[in-house]
Amino acid sequence: MAFIEYADGDAIPETDRVADDDNIIRVHGVHSRTIPLHYELYRELMYAKGPLTRVQRELIAVRVSALNDCHY
């Protein structure tokens, strides 16, 4: 599994910060303009109305992470 260093929160420009400081968000700090885009996509996929419940979406995310040996 690849390793990407997390950006320190202070190193991320104020305009690119979001209301979430999870490590998966901080990884985008290497190109901070992608942070708001990633966060918007995540919010749409996990919280918008759709055929799967929020719990089902989380279960899928956990299973895929486990299959990829991701410790996220």
Protein backbone atom coordinates (compact mmCIF):
# COMPACT_ATOMS: atom_id res chain seq x y z
CA MET A 1 0.00 0.00 0.00
CA ALA A 2 1.31 3.45 -0.88
CA PHE A 3 2.02 6.01 1.79
CA ILE A 4 1.41 9.71 1.32
CA GLU A 5 2.40 12.12 4.06
CA TYR A 6 -0.42 14.13 5.59
CA ALA A 7 -0.26 17.88 5.33
CA ASP A 8 -0.07 19.76 8.59
CA GLY A 9 -3.32 21.67 9.07
CA ASP A 10 -1.47 24.98 9.30
CA ALA A 11 0.18 24.32 5.91
CA ILE A 12 -3.21 24.21 4.14
CA PRO A 13 -4.34 27.63 2.91
CA GLU A 14 -7.43 28.96 4.66
CA THR A 15 -9.36 29.07 1.36
CA ASP A 16 -8.86 25.31 0.85
CA ARG A 17 -9.85 24.15 4.34
CA VAL A 18 -13.09 22.29 5.05
CA ALA A 19 -15.02 21.44 8.21
CA ASP A 20 -13.27 18.07 8.50
CA ASP A 21 -9.70 17.33 9.53
CA ASP A 22 -9.67 13.57 8.92
CA ASN A 23 -6.42 12.16 7.62
CA ILE A 24 -8.04 11.24 4.30
CA ILE A 25 -8.74 14.95 3.78
CA ARG A 26 -5.26 16.00 4.95
CA VAL A 27 -3.64 13.71 2.37
CA HIS A 28 -4.92 16.13 -0.26
CA GLY A 29 -2.77 18.82 1.32
CA VAL A 30 -0.04 18.04 -1.21
CA HIS A 31 -2.37 19.76 -3.69
CA SER A 32 -4.69 21.64 -1.38
CA ARG A 33 -7.06 22.95 -4.06
CA THR A 34 -8.43 19.38 -4.28
CA ILE A 35 -9.52 19.34 -0.63
CA PRO A 36 -12.86 21.15 -1.10
CA LEU A 37 -13.54 19.11 -4.26
CA HIS A 38 -12.89 15.80 -2.48
CA TYR A 39 -14.98 16.87 0.49
CA GLU A 40 -17.90 17.90 -1.73
CA LEU A 41 -17.76 14.55 -3.56
CA TYR A 42 -17.61 12.66 -0.25
CA ARG A 43 -20.60 14.56 1.15
CA GLU A 44 -22.60 13.90 -2.03
CA LEU A 45 -21.78 10.18 -2.09
CA MET A 46 -22.34 9.55 1.60
CA TYR A 47 -25.17 11.91 2.53
CA ALA A 48 -27.26 12.72 -0.56
CA LYS A 49 -30.54 10.95 -1.13
CA GLY A 50 -30.08 7.70 -3.01
CA PRO A 51 -30.95 4.00 -3.15
CA LEU A 52 -28.60 3.03 -0.29
CA THR A 53 -28.96 4.00 3.34
CA ARG A 54 -26.16 5.83 5.14
CA VAL A 55 -25.35 2.63 7.06
CA GLN A 56 -25.12 0.60 3.84
CA ARG A 57 -22.76 3.18 2.35
CA GLU A 58 -20.53 3.08 5.42
CA LEU A 59 -20.50 -0.73 5.39
CA ILE A 60 -19.39 -0.71 1.76
CA ALA A 61 -16.66 1.81 2.54
CA VAL A 62 -15.39 -0.26 5.48
CA ARG A 63 -15.40 -3.47 3.44
CA VAL A 64 -13.52 -1.92 0.51
CA SER A 65 -10.97 -0.44 2.92
CA ALA A 66 -10.46 -3.85 4.51
CA LEU A 67 -10.08 -5.54 1.10
CA ASN A 68 -7.45 -2.94 0.19
CA ASP A 69 -5.66 -3.46 3.51
CA CYS A 70 -6.32 0.19 4.25
CA HIS A 71 -6.18 1.09 7.92
CA TYR A 72 -8.30 4.18 7.40
